[in-house]
C-alpha atoms as a PDB file:
ATOM      1  CA  UNK A   1      11.876  18.661  -2.983  1.00  0.00           C
ATOM      2  CA  UNK A   2      12.164  18.553   0.773  1.00  0.00           C
ATOM      3  CA  UNK A   3      15.149  16.843   2.235  1.00  0.00           C
ATOM      4  CA  UNK A   4      17.667  17.334  -0.593  1.00  0.00           C
ATOM      5  CA  UNK A   5      21.005  18.878   0.275  1.00  0.00           C
ATOM      6  CA  UNK A   6      20.386  21.856  -1.968  1.00  0.00           C
ATOM      7  CA  UNK A   7      17.379  22.759   0.176  1.00  0.00           C
ATOM      8  CA  UNK A   8      19.280  23.376   3.369  1.00  0.00           C
ATOM      9  CA  UNK A   9      22.973  24.018   2.562  1.00  0.00           C
ATOM     10  CA  UNK A  10      24.642  27.266   1.524  1.00  0.00           C
ATOM     11  CA  UNK A  11      25.806  27.532  -2.096  1.00  0.00           C
ATOM     12  CA  UNK A  12      29.488  26.961  -2.756  1.00  0.00           C
ATOM     13  CA  UNK A  13      31.755  29.639  -4.246  1.00  0.00           C
ATOM     14  CA  UNK A  14      31.705  27.769  -7.560  1.00  0.00           C
ATOM     15  CA  UNK A  15      27.922  27.936  -7.549  1.00  0.00           C
ATOM     16  CA  UNK A  16      27.909  31.642  -6.695  1.00  0.00           C
ATOM     17  CA  UNK A  17      30.321  32.649  -9.467  1.00  0.00           C
ATOM     18  CA  UNK A  18      29.332  30.193 -12.205  1.00  0.00           C
ATOM     19  CA  UNK A  19      26.872  30.853 -15.005  1.00  0.00           C
ATOM     20  CA  UNK A  20      23.583  28.972 -15.423  1.00  0.00           C
ATOM     21  CA  UNK A  21      25.049  27.281 -18.488  1.00  0.00           C
ATOM     22  CA  UNK A  22      28.003  26.046 -16.462  1.00  0.00           C
ATOM     23  CA  UNK A  23      25.701  24.783 -13.719  1.00  0.00           C
ATOM     24  CA  UNK A  24      23.549  22.993 -16.280  1.00  0.00           C
ATOM     25  CA  UNK A  25      26.658  21.443 -17.781  1.00  0.00           C
ATOM     26  CA  UNK A  26      27.795  20.267 -14.344  1.00  0.00           C
ATOM     27  CA  UNK A  27      24.411  18.657 -13.791  1.00  0.00           C
ATOM     28  CA  UNK A  28      24.553  16.950 -17.179  1.00  0.00           C
ATOM     29  CA  UNK A  29      27.912  15.507 -16.202  1.00  0.00           C
ATOM     30  CA  UNK A  30      26.099  13.563 -13.503  1.00  0.00           C
ATOM     31  CA  UNK A  31      23.625  12.079 -15.992  1.00  0.00           C
ATOM     32  CA  UNK A  32      24.707   8.809 -17.527  1.00  0.00           C
ATOM     33  CA  UNK A  33      23.413   5.523 -18.870  1.00  0.00           C
ATOM     34  CA  UNK A  34      23.974   2.922 -16.148  1.00  0.00           C
ATOM     35  CA  UNK A  35      23.528  -0.839 -16.695  1.00  0.00           C
ATOM     36  CA  UNK A  36      20.350  -1.987 -14.947  1.00  0.00           C
ATOM     37  CA  UNK A  37      22.343  -4.931 -13.602  1.00  0.00           C
ATOM     38  CA  UNK A  38      24.345  -2.472 -11.487  1.00  0.00           C
ATOM     39  CA  UNK A  39      21.271  -0.734 -10.012  1.00  0.00           C
ATOM     40  CA  UNK A  40      19.623  -2.004  -6.829  1.00  0.00           C
ATOM     41  CA  UNK A  41      16.152  -1.150  -5.550  1.00  0.00           C
ATOM     42  CA  UNK A  42      15.870   1.140  -2.556  1.00  0.00           C
ATOM     43  CA  UNK A  43      16.038  -1.025   0.617  1.00  0.00           C
ATOM     44  CA  UNK A  44      12.545  -1.848   1.945  1.00  0.00           C
ATOM     45  CA  UNK A  45      11.007   0.207  -0.836  1.00  0.00           C
ATOM     46  CA  UNK A  46       7.371   0.615   0.303  1.00  0.00           C
ATOM     47  CA  UNK A  47       5.852   1.274  -3.122  1.00  0.00           C
ATOM     48  CA  UNK A  48       4.936  -1.665  -5.338  1.00  0.00           C
ATOM     49  CA  UNK A  49       5.957  -1.745  -8.997  1.00  0.00           C
ATOM     50  CA  UNK A  50       3.039  -3.290 -10.877  1.00  0.00           C
ATOM     51  CA  UNK A  51       2.993  -4.716 -14.382  1.00  0.00           C
ATOM     52  CA  UNK A  52      -0.376  -3.068 -15.067  1.00  0.00           C
ATOM     53  CA  UNK A  53      -1.826  -1.001 -17.923  1.00  0.00           C
ATOM     54  CA  UNK A  54       0.143   2.071 -16.855  1.00  0.00           C
ATOM     55  CA  UNK A  55       3.318   0.010 -17.028  1.00  0.00           C
ATOM     56  CA  UNK A  56       2.420  -1.217 -20.510  1.00  0.00           C
ATOM     57  CA  UNK A  57       2.039   2.401 -21.651  1.00  0.00           C
ATOM     58  CA  UNK A  58       5.323   3.354 -20.004  1.00  0.00           C
ATOM     59  CA  UNK A  59       7.107   0.473 -21.739  1.00  0.00           C
ATOM     60  CA  UNK A  60       5.770   1.606 -25.121  1.00  0.00           C
ATOM     61  CA  UNK A  61       6.929   5.168 -24.380  1.00  0.00           C
ATOM     62  CA  UNK A  62      10.394   3.949 -23.430  1.00  0.00           C
ATOM     63  CA  UNK A  63      10.627   1.909 -26.636  1.00  0.00           C
ATOM     64  CA  UNK A  64       9.684   4.936 -28.755  1.00  0.00           C
ATOM     65  CA  UNK A  65      11.434   7.813 -26.955  1.00  0.00           C
ATOM     66  CA  UNK A  66      13.659   6.295 -24.286  1.00  0.00           C
ATOM     67  CA  UNK A  67      13.627   7.473 -20.657  1.00  0.00           C
ATOM     68  CA  UNK A  68      12.785  11.187 -20.907  1.00  0.00           C
ATOM     69  CA  UNK A  69      13.225  12.047 -17.218  1.00  0.00           C
ATOM     70  CA  UNK A  70      16.352  10.414 -15.768  1.00  0.00           C
ATOM     71  CA  UNK A  71      15.961   8.252 -12.686  1.00  0.00           C
ATOM     72  CA  UNK A  72      17.697   9.475  -9.528  1.00  0.00           C
ATOM     73  CA  UNK A  73      20.305   7.122  -8.082  1.00  0.00           C
ATOM     74  CA  UNK A  74      22.975   7.353  -5.400  1.00  0.00           C
ATOM     75  CA  UNK A  75      26.253   5.471  -5.501  1.00  0.00           C
ATOM     76  CA  UNK A  76      26.893   2.990  -2.702  1.00  0.00           C
ATOM     77  CA  UNK A  77      30.157   2.205  -0.996  1.00  0.00           C
ATOM     78  CA  UNK A  78      30.551  -1.004  -3.003  1.00  0.00           C
ATOM     79  CA  UNK A  79      30.386   0.937  -6.282  1.00  0.00           C
ATOM     80  CA  UNK A  80      26.877  -0.201  -7.198  1.00  0.00           C
ATOM     81  CA  UNK A  81      23.945   2.197  -7.437  1.00  0.00           C
ATOM     82  CA  UNK A  82      20.693   2.478  -5.480  1.00  0.00           C
ATOM     83  CA  UNK A  83      17.485   3.891  -6.950  1.00  0.00           C
ATOM     84  CA  UNK A  84      16.058   6.887  -5.105  1.00  0.00           C
ATOM     85  CA  UNK A  85      13.413   7.736  -7.690  1.00  0.00           C
ATOM     86  CA  UNK A  86      12.647   5.711 -10.814  1.00  0.00           C
ATOM     87  CA  UNK A  87      11.760   2.129  -9.889  1.00  0.00           C
ATOM     88  CA  UNK A  88       8.990   2.051 -12.502  1.00  0.00           C
ATOM     89  CA  UNK A  89      11.324   3.470 -15.163  1.00  0.00           C
ATOM     90  CA  UNK A  90      13.870   0.764 -14.398  1.00  0.00           C
ATOM     91  CA  UNK A  91      11.208  -1.942 -14.697  1.00  0.00           C
ATOM     92  CA  UNK A  92       9.975  -0.422 -17.972  1.00  0.00           C
ATOM     93  CA  UNK A  93      13.512  -0.545 -19.387  1.00  0.00           C
ATOM     94  CA  UNK A  94      13.811  -4.210 -18.401  1.00  0.00           C
ATOM     95  CA  UNK A  95      10.472  -5.061 -20.050  1.00  0.00           C
ATOM     96  CA  UNK A  96      11.477  -3.050 -23.132  1.00  0.00           C
ATOM     97  CA  UNK A  97      14.645  -5.126 -23.446  1.00  0.00           C
ATOM     98  CA  UNK A  98      17.025  -2.258 -22.641  1.00  0.00           C
ATOM     99  CA  UNK A  99      20.218  -2.980 -20.712  1.00  0.00           C
ATOM    100  CA  UNK A 100      20.765   0.531 -19.343  1.00  0.00           C
ATOM    101  CA  UNK A 101      18.773   3.199 -17.525  1.00  0.00           C
ATOM    102  CA  UNK A 102      19.229   6.947 -17.969  1.00  0.00           C
ATOM    103  CA  UNK A 103      20.135   8.208 -14.483  1.00  0.00           C
ATOM    104  CA  UNK A 104      21.174  11.313 -12.578  1.00  0.00           C
ATOM    105  CA  UNK A 105      23.675  10.448  -9.866  1.00  0.00           C
ATOM    106  CA  UNK A 106      22.686  12.464  -6.786  1.00  0.00           C
ATOM    107  CA  UNK A 107      24.818  13.193  -3.737  1.00  0.00           C
ATOM    108  CA  UNK A 108      22.518  12.358  -0.826  1.00  0.00           C
ATOM    109  CA  UNK A 109      22.890  10.746   2.559  1.00  0.00           C
ATOM    110  CA  UNK A 110      20.822   7.654   3.294  1.00  0.00           C
ATOM    111  CA  UNK A 111      18.234   9.634   5.258  1.00  0.00           C
ATOM    112  CA  UNK A 112      18.038  12.426   2.674  1.00  0.00           C
ATOM    113  CA  UNK A 113      17.530   9.772   0.006  1.00  0.00           C
ATOM    114  CA  UNK A 114      14.708   8.219   2.044  1.00  0.00           C
ATOM    115  CA  UNK A 115      12.874  11.542   2.281  1.00  0.00           C
ATOM    116  CA  UNK A 116      13.276  12.190  -1.449  1.00  0.00           C
ATOM    117  CA  UNK A 117      12.200   8.624  -2.304  1.00  0.00           C
ATOM    118  CA  UNK A 118       8.960   9.004  -0.332  1.00  0.00           C
ATOM    119  CA  UNK A 119       8.114  12.436  -1.736  1.00  0.00           C
ATOM    120  CA  UNK A 120       8.780  11.498  -5.347  1.00  0.00           C
ATOM    121  CA  UNK A 121       6.576   8.402  -5.110  1.00  0.00           C
ATOM    122  CA  UNK A 122       3.657  10.362  -3.659  1.00  0.00           C
ATOM    123  CA  UNK A 123       3.184  11.759  -7.163  1.00  0.00           C
ATOM    124  CA  UNK A 124       1.664   8.432  -8.204  1.00  0.00           C
ATOM    125  CA  UNK A 125      -2.026   8.414  -9.116  1.00  0.00           C
ATOM    126  CA  UNK A 126      -2.800   5.375  -6.957  1.00  0.00           C
ATOM    127  CA  UNK A 127      -1.184   4.560  -3.613  1.00  0.00           C
ATOM    128  CA  UNK A 128      -2.252   1.626  -1.442  1.00  0.00           C
ATOM    129  CA  UNK A 129      -2.817   2.143   2.305  1.00  0.00           C
ATOM    130  CA  UNK A 130       0.082  -0.231   3.055  1.00  0.00           C
ATOM    131  CA  UNK A 131       2.376   1.810   0.791  1.00  0.00           C
ATOM    132  CA  UNK A 132       1.453   5.041   2.566  1.00  0.00           C
ATOM    133  CA  UNK A 133       1.869   3.374   5.960  1.00  0.00           C
ATOM    134  CA  UNK A 134       5.441   2.230   5.457  1.00  0.00           C
ATOM    135  CA  UNK A 135       6.382   5.342   3.461  1.00  0.00           C
ATOM    136  CA  UNK A 136       5.297   7.678   6.282  1.00  0.00           C
ATOM    137  CA  UNK A 137       7.084   5.512   8.837  1.00  0.00           C
ATOM    138  CA  UNK A 138      10.331   5.441   6.823  1.00  0.00           C
ATOM    139  CA  UNK A 139      10.264   9.185   6.313  1.00  0.00           C
ATOM    140  CA  UNK A 140       9.686  10.054   9.961  1.00  0.00           C
ATOM    141  CA  UNK A 141      12.361   7.612  11.125  1.00  0.00           C
ATOM    142  CA  UNK A 142      14.832   9.155   8.674  1.00  0.00           C
ATOM    143  CA  UNK A 143      14.061  12.630   9.983  1.00  0.00           C
ATOM    144  CA  UNK A 144      14.416  11.445  13.554  1.00  0.00           C
ATOM    145  CA  UNK A 145      17.929  10.202  12.767  1.00  0.00           C
ATOM    146  CA  UNK A 146      18.701  13.591  11.275  1.00  0.00           C
ATOM    147  CA  UNK A 147      18.050  15.131  14.678  1.00  0.00           C
ATOM    148  CA  UNK A 148      14.696  16.700  13.925  1.00  0.00           C
ATOM    149  CA  UNK A 149      12.058  17.007  16.653  1.00  0.00           C
ATOM    150  CA  UNK A 150       9.638  14.097  16.329  1.00  0.00           C
ATOM    151  CA  UNK A 151       7.801  13.814  19.683  1.00  0.00           C
ATOM    152  CA  UNK A 152       6.788  10.299  18.691  1.00  0.00           C
ATOM    153  CA  UNK A 153       5.687   9.497  22.238  1.00  0.00           C
ATOM    154  CA  UNK A 154       2.714  11.839  21.971  1.00  0.00           C
ATOM    155  CA  UNK A 155       1.947  11.621  18.257  1.00  0.00           C
ATOM    156  CA  UNK A 156       3.808   9.858  15.446  1.00  0.00           C
ATOM    157  CA  UNK A 157       3.378  12.919  13.247  1.00  0.00           C
ATOM    158  CA  UNK A 158       4.118  15.826  15.574  1.00  0.00           C
ATOM    159  CA  UNK A 159       7.212  16.546  13.552  1.00  0.00           C
ATOM    160  CA  UNK A 160       9.222  19.540  12.409  1.00  0.00           C
ATOM    161  CA  UNK A 161      10.271  18.363   8.972  1.00  0.00           C
ATOM    162  CA  UNK A 162      12.780  21.132   8.497  1.00  0.00           C
ATOM    163  CA  UNK A 163      12.930  24.868   9.063  1.00  0.00           C
ATOM    164  CA  UNK A 164       9.548  26.425   8.312  1.00  0.00           C
ATOM    165  CA  UNK A 165       7.596  23.206   7.817  1.00  0.00           C
ATOM    166  CA  UNK A 166       5.396  21.551  10.423  1.00  0.00           C
ATOM    167  CA  UNK A 167       3.526  18.256  10.520  1.00  0.00           C
ATOM    168  CA  UNK A 168       0.421  20.141   9.387  1.00  0.00           C
ATOM    169  CA  UNK A 169       2.272  21.273   6.255  1.00  0.00           C
ATOM    170  CA  UNK A 170       3.304  17.657   5.630  1.00  0.00           C
ATOM    171  CA  UNK A 171      -0.360  16.717   5.726  1.00  0.00           C
ATOM    172  CA  UNK A 172      -1.127  19.423   3.188  1.00  0.00           C
ATOM    173  CA  UNK A 173       1.734  18.233   0.992  1.00  0.00           C
ATOM    174  CA  UNK A 174       0.505  14.635   0.793  1.00  0.00           C
ATOM    175  CA  UNK A 175      -3.213  15.281   1.207  1.00  0.00           C
ATOM    176  CA  UNK A 176      -3.621  13.654   4.635  1.00  0.00           C
ATOM    177  CA  UNK A 177      -4.133  15.243   8.059  1.00  0.00           C
ATOM    178  CA  UNK A 178      -1.637  14.567  10.834  1.00  0.00           C
ATOM    179  CA  UNK A 179      -4.183  12.294  12.538  1.00  0.00           C
ATOM    180  CA  UNK A 180      -4.673  10.347   9.338  1.00  0.00           C
ATOM    181  CA  UNK A 181      -0.907   9.986   8.950  1.00  0.00           C
ATOM    182  CA  UNK A 182      -0.786   8.623  12.512  1.00  0.00           C
ATOM    183  CA  UNK A 183      -3.457   6.061  11.582  1.00  0.00           C
ATOM    184  CA  UNK A 184      -1.518   4.990   8.507  1.00  0.00           C
ATOM    185  CA  UNK A 185       1.619   4.423  10.569  1.00  0.00           C
ATOM    186  CA  UNK A 186      -0.356   2.209  12.962  1.00  0.00           C
ATOM    187  CA  UNK A 187      -1.105  -0.102  10.002  1.00  0.00           C
ATOM    188  CA  UNK A 188       2.554  -1.150   9.933  1.00  0.00           C
ATOM    189  CA  UNK A 189       1.804  -3.158  13.084  1.00  0.00           C
ATOM    190  CA  UNK A 190      -0.667  -5.418  11.260  1.00  0.00           C
ATOM    191  CA  UNK A 191       0.216  -8.920  10.103  1.00  0.00           C
ATOM    192  CA  UNK A 192       0.516  -9.121   6.286  1.00  0.00           C
ATOM    193  CA  UNK A 193      -2.826 -10.898   5.852  1.00  0.00           C
ATOM    194  CA  UNK A 194      -4.782  -8.150   7.633  1.00  0.00           C
ATOM    195  CA  UNK A 195      -2.841  -5.460   5.781  1.00  0.00           C
ATOM    196  CA  UNK A 196      -3.822  -7.137   2.500  1.00  0.00           C
ATOM    197  CA  UNK A 197      -7.489  -6.936   3.562  1.00  0.00           C
ATOM    198  CA  UNK A 198      -7.019  -3.184   4.115  1.00  0.00           C
ATOM    199  CA  UNK A 199      -5.443  -2.754   0.679  1.00  0.00           C
ATOM    200  CA  UNK A 200      -8.332  -4.714  -0.870  1.00  0.00           C
ATOM    201  CA  UNK A 201     -10.919  -2.564   0.908  1.00  0.00           C
ATOM    202  CA  UNK A 202     -12.310  -5.469   2.930  1.00  0.00           C
ATOM    203  CA  UNK A 203     -11.301  -3.839   6.230  1.00  0.00           C
ATOM    204  CA  UNK A 204     -11.702  -0.086   6.696  1.00  0.00           C
ATOM    205  CA  UNK A 205      -9.096   2.174   8.240  1.00  0.00           C
ATOM    206  CA  UNK A 206     -10.682   2.681  11.680  1.00  0.00           C
ATOM    207  CA  UNK A 207     -11.181  -1.012  12.581  1.00  0.00           C
ATOM    208  CA  UNK A 208      -7.743  -1.796  11.116  1.00  0.00           C
ATOM    209  CA  UNK A 209      -6.137   0.758  13.454  1.00  0.00           C
ATOM    210  CA  UNK A 210      -7.847  -0.867  16.462  1.00  0.00           C
ATOM    211  CA  UNK A 211      -6.635  -4.312  15.379  1.00  0.00           C
ATOM    212  CA  UNK A 212      -3.077  -2.990  15.069  1.00  0.00           C
ATOM    213  CA  UNK A 213      -2.867  -2.824  18.884  1.00  0.00           C
ATOM    214  CA  UNK A 214      -3.342  -6.612  19.194  1.00  0.00           C
ATOM    215  CA  UNK A 215      -0.397  -8.996  19.296  1.00  0.00           C
ATOM    216  CA  UNK A 216       0.451 -11.275  16.375  1.00  0.00           C
ATOM    217  CA  UNK A 217      -1.291 -14.351  17.788  1.00  0.00           C
ATOM    218  CA  UNK A 218      -4.598 -12.519  18.247  1.00  0.00           C
ATOM    219  CA  UNK A 219      -4.349 -10.961  14.807  1.00  0.00           C
ATOM    220  CA  UNK A 220      -3.803 -14.360  13.222  1.00  0.00           C
ATOM    221  CA  UNK A 221      -6.820 -15.737  15.111  1.00  0.00           C
ATOM    222  CA  UNK A 222      -8.834 -12.933  13.528  1.00  0.00           C
ATOM    223  CA  UNK A 223      -7.459 -13.834  10.092  1.00  0.00           C
ATOM    224  CA  UNK A 224      -8.603 -17.428  10.676  1.00  0.00           C
ATOM    225  CA  UNK A 225     -12.100 -16.233  11.606  1.00  0.00           C
ATOM    226  CA  UNK A 226     -12.280 -14.047   8.507  1.00  0.00           C
ATOM    227  CA  UNK A 227     -11.261 -16.978   6.296  1.00  0.00           C
ATOM    228  CA  UNK A 228     -13.642 -19.342   8.071  1.00  0.00           C
ATOM    229  CA  UNK A 229     -16.748 -17.145   8.013  1.00  0.00           C
ATOM    230  CA  UNK A 230     -16.005 -14.714   5.170  1.00  0.00           C
ATOM    231  CA  UNK A 231     -16.813 -11.818   7.485  1.00  0.00           C
ATOM    232  CA  UNK A 232     -14.572  -8.918   8.573  1.00  0.00           C
ATOM    233  CA  UNK A 233     -14.913  -7.065  11.908  1.00  0.00           C
ATOM    234  CA  UNK A 234     -16.784  -3.780  12.181  1.00  0.00           C
ATOM    235  CA  UNK A 235     -15.265  -0.762  13.907  1.00  0.00           C
ATOM    236  CA  UNK A 236     -17.316  -1.474  17.042  1.00  0.00           C
ATOM    237  CA  UNK A 237     -16.224  -5.116  17.109  1.00  0.00           C
ATOM    238  CA  UNK A 238     -12.584  -4.119  16.662  1.00  0.00           C
ATOM    239  CA  UNK A 239     -12.848  -1.659  19.562  1.00  0.00           C
ATOM    240  CA  UNK A 240     -14.275  -4.369  21.832  1.00  0.00           C
ATOM    241  CA  UNK A 241     -11.584  -6.856  20.851  1.00  0.00           C
ATOM    242  CA  UNK A 242      -8.891  -4.282  21.592  1.00  0.00           C
ATOM    243  CA  UNK A 243     -10.457  -3.626  25.014  1.00  0.00           C
ATOM    244  CA  UNK A 244     -10.579  -7.379  25.746  1.00  0.00           C
ATOM    245  CA  UNK A 245      -6.924  -7.662  24.673  1.00  0.00           C
ATOM    246  CA  UNK A 246      -5.855  -4.839  26.995  1.00  0.00           C
ATOM    247  CA  UNK A 247      -7.697  -6.626  29.829  1.00  0.00           C
ATOM    248  CA  UNK A 248      -5.968  -9.919  28.985  1.00  0.00           C
ATOM    249  CA  UNK A 249      -9.279 -11.547  28.026  1.00  0.00           C
ATOM    250  CA  UNK A 250      -9.025 -11.800  24.238  1.00  0.00           C
ATOM    251  CA  UNK A 251      -8.928 -15.568  23.832  1.00  0.00           C
ATOM    252  CA  UNK A 252      -9.542 -17.481  20.608  1.00  0.00           C
ATOM    253  CA  UNK A 253     -13.040 -18.228  21.915  1.00  0.00           C
ATOM    254  CA  UNK A 254     -13.690 -14.539  22.604  1.00  0.00           C
ATOM    255  CA  UNK A 255     -12.589 -13.594  19.085  1.00  0.00           C
ATOM    256  CA  UNK A 256     -14.894 -16.243  17.638  1.00  0.00           C
ATOM    257  CA  UNK A 257     -17.811 -14.972  19.753  1.00  0.00           C
ATOM    258  CA  UNK A 258     -17.330 -11.352  18.699  1.00  0.00           C
ATOM    259  CA  UNK A 259     -16.737 -12.144  15.030  1.00  0.00           C
ATOM    260  CA  UNK A 260     -19.783 -14.446  14.803  1.00  0.00           C
ATOM    261  CA  UNK A 261     -22.151 -11.633  15.816  1.00  0.00           C
ATOM    262  CA  UNK A 262     -24.355 -10.435  12.999  1.00  0.00           C
ATOM    263  CA  UNK A 263     -23.728  -6.796  12.188  1.00  0.00           C
ATOM    264  CA  UNK A 264     -26.744  -4.496  11.638  1.00  0.00           C
ATOM    265  CA  UNK A 265     -26.020  -4.092   7.919  1.00  0.00           C
ATOM    266  CA  UNK A 266     -24.970  -7.689   7.389  1.00  0.00           C
ATOM    267  CA  UNK A 267     -27.221  -9.814   5.218  1.00  0.00           C
ATOM    268  CA  UNK A 268     -27.898 -13.463   5.883  1.00  0.00           C
ATOM    269  CA  UNK A 269     -25.414 -15.584   3.979  1.00  0.00           C
ATOM    270  CA  UNK A 270     -26.316 -18.779   2.157  1.00  0.00           C
ATOM    271  CA  UNK A 271     -23.499 -21.294   1.900  1.00  0.00           C
ATOM    272  CA  UNK A 272     -23.839 -24.127  -0.611  1.00  0.00           C
ATOM    273  CA  UNK A 273     -21.593 -27.111  -1.065  1.00  0.00           C
ATOM    274  CA  UNK A 274     -20.075 -26.726  -4.513  1.00  0.00           C
ATOM    275  CA  UNK A 275     -19.546 -30.471  -4.962  1.00  0.00           C
ATOM    276  CA  UNK A 276     -23.133 -31.360  -4.022  1.00  0.00           C
ATOM    277  CA  UNK A 277     -24.669 -28.639  -6.201  1.00  0.00           C
ATOM    278  CA  UNK A 278     -22.516 -29.561  -9.169  1.00  0.00           C
ATOM    279  CA  UNK A 279     -23.682 -33.181  -8.984  1.00  0.00           C
ATOM    280  CA  UNK A 280     -27.263 -32.000  -9.617  1.00  0.00           C
ATOM    281  CA  UNK A 281     -26.387 -29.819 -12.609  1.00  0.00           C
ATOM    282  CA  UNK A 282     -26.032 -31.335 -16.110  1.00  0.00           C
ATOM    283  CA  UNK A 283     -22.431 -31.430 -17.305  1.00  0.00           C
ATOM    284  CA  UNK A 284     -23.505 -29.515 -20.402  1.00  0.00           C
ATOM    285  CA  UNK A 285     -24.090 -26.407 -18.235  1.00  0.00           C
ATOM    286  CA  UNK A 286     -20.856 -24.344 -18.054  1.00  0.00           C
ATOM    287  CA  UNK A 287     -19.540 -23.429 -14.623  1.00  0.00           C
ATOM    288  CA  UNK A 288     -20.043 -19.742 -15.421  1.00  0.00           C
ATOM    289  CA  UNK A 289     -23.797 -20.366 -15.823  1.00  0.00           C
ATOM    290  CA  UNK A 290     -24.203 -22.298 -12.563  1.00  0.00           C
ATOM    291  CA  UNK A 291     -25.806 -19.426 -10.642  1.00  0.00           C
ATOM    292  CA  UNK A 292     -28.326 -18.750 -13.406  1.00  0.00           C
ATOM    293  CA  UNK A 293     -29.203 -22.463 -13.633  1.00  0.00           C
ATOM    294  CA  UNK A 294     -29.701 -22.771  -9.847  1.00  0.00           C
ATOM    295  CA  UNK A 295     -31.887 -19.640  -9.704  1.00  0.00           C
ATOM    296  CA  UNK A 296     -34.090 -20.889 -12.536  1.00  0.00           C
ATOM    297  CA  UNK A 297     -34.402 -24.290 -10.859  1.00  0.00           C
ATOM    298  CA  UNK A 298     -35.412 -22.646  -7.569  1.00  0.00           C
ATOM    299  CA  UNK A 299     -37.945 -20.453  -9.355  1.00  0.00           C
ATOM    300  CA  UNK A 300     -39.416 -23.520 -11.056  1.00  0.00           C
ATOM    301  CA  UNK A 301     -39.585 -25.349  -7.690  1.00  0.00           C
ATOM    302  CA  UNK A 302     -41.219 -22.324  -6.015  1.00  0.00           C
ATOM    303  CA  UNK A 303     -43.953 -22.333  -8.671  1.00  0.00           C
ATOM    304  CA  UNK A 304     -44.431 -26.073  -8.171  1.00  0.00           C
ATOM    305  CA  UNK A 305     -44.885 -25.656  -4.399  1.00  0.00           C
ATOM    306  CA  UNK A 306     -47.345 -22.797  -4.905  1.00  0.00           C
ATOM    307  CA  UNK A 307     -49.311 -24.837  -7.437  1.00  0.00           C
ATOM    308  CA  UNK A 308     -49.466 -27.818  -5.057  1.00  0.00           C
ATOM    309  CA  UNK A 309     -50.551 -25.591  -2.170  1.00  0.00           C
ATOM    310  CA  UNK A 310     -53.336 -24.069  -4.284  1.00  0.00           C
ATOM    311  CA  UNK A 311     -54.506 -27.546  -5.293  1.00  0.00           C
ATOM    312  CA  UNK A 312     -54.556 -28.828  -1.706  1.00  0.00           C
ATOM    313  CA  UNK A 313     -56.565 -25.823  -0.531  1.00  0.00           C
ATOM    314  CA  UNK A 314     -59.484 -26.566  -2.857  1.00  0.00           C
END
């Protein structure tokens, strides 16, 4: 795994003249059961730990077989431990009622731990755009502190990760191009509400990147418009709002004007007052059947109007 000490330091004399069995034994000496109460999450950990179906399966596995692959932790100056890899395993142990977590204590600097944390979590089957955004940013910042060439002024991903690996190879490692990585990092400039819309798929990547160049006040005005009209900006609308912002012309009124435009693929929306509609529906009709009841009523009324029109035309 990139970034670990063993990847870029020479072996010690003990390592050169020891047997594999001795090395394995030395590694086992670093594996221990540590109370979960003494283990802290990685600071600003960008990956969410969800109590979903996968977690339920992991909890059942932990109950039956324990933690098969030890979590990786590093010891802090205060004597407590910090998870580098294994946040889901820790949560599974807590849900399974276990007080300890099987861990390997690794000797890593803060920046090396950050790189390992990001790479190990990219093995997950599902990763949200916001998780990728902050993970890429954390990794590149860690490498910058290590003295690697980052060239962040020209491109946030024009980076030499370590000897023999370029930003292109990073893209191949995680499945994203360097330009796509740059777009993800831009998402970290979004207010939380807009970033949630990206995670939910309501705002696509390209318009989200354009919105990331706006200041917080303008972004929150856009959030208000989305909530008010249930309509998210298209890529073209986002580009125009960014241009207006750069010209100092993106007022609340301008945002409202742009957002209220009907997009080519946008259908007309019908907004009904829930309270008024509910007053006209018998209480015996469940709320879940409201739409069906209203549609049948409208169909019946349409037939009535047609019948009356036919009668008047005679």
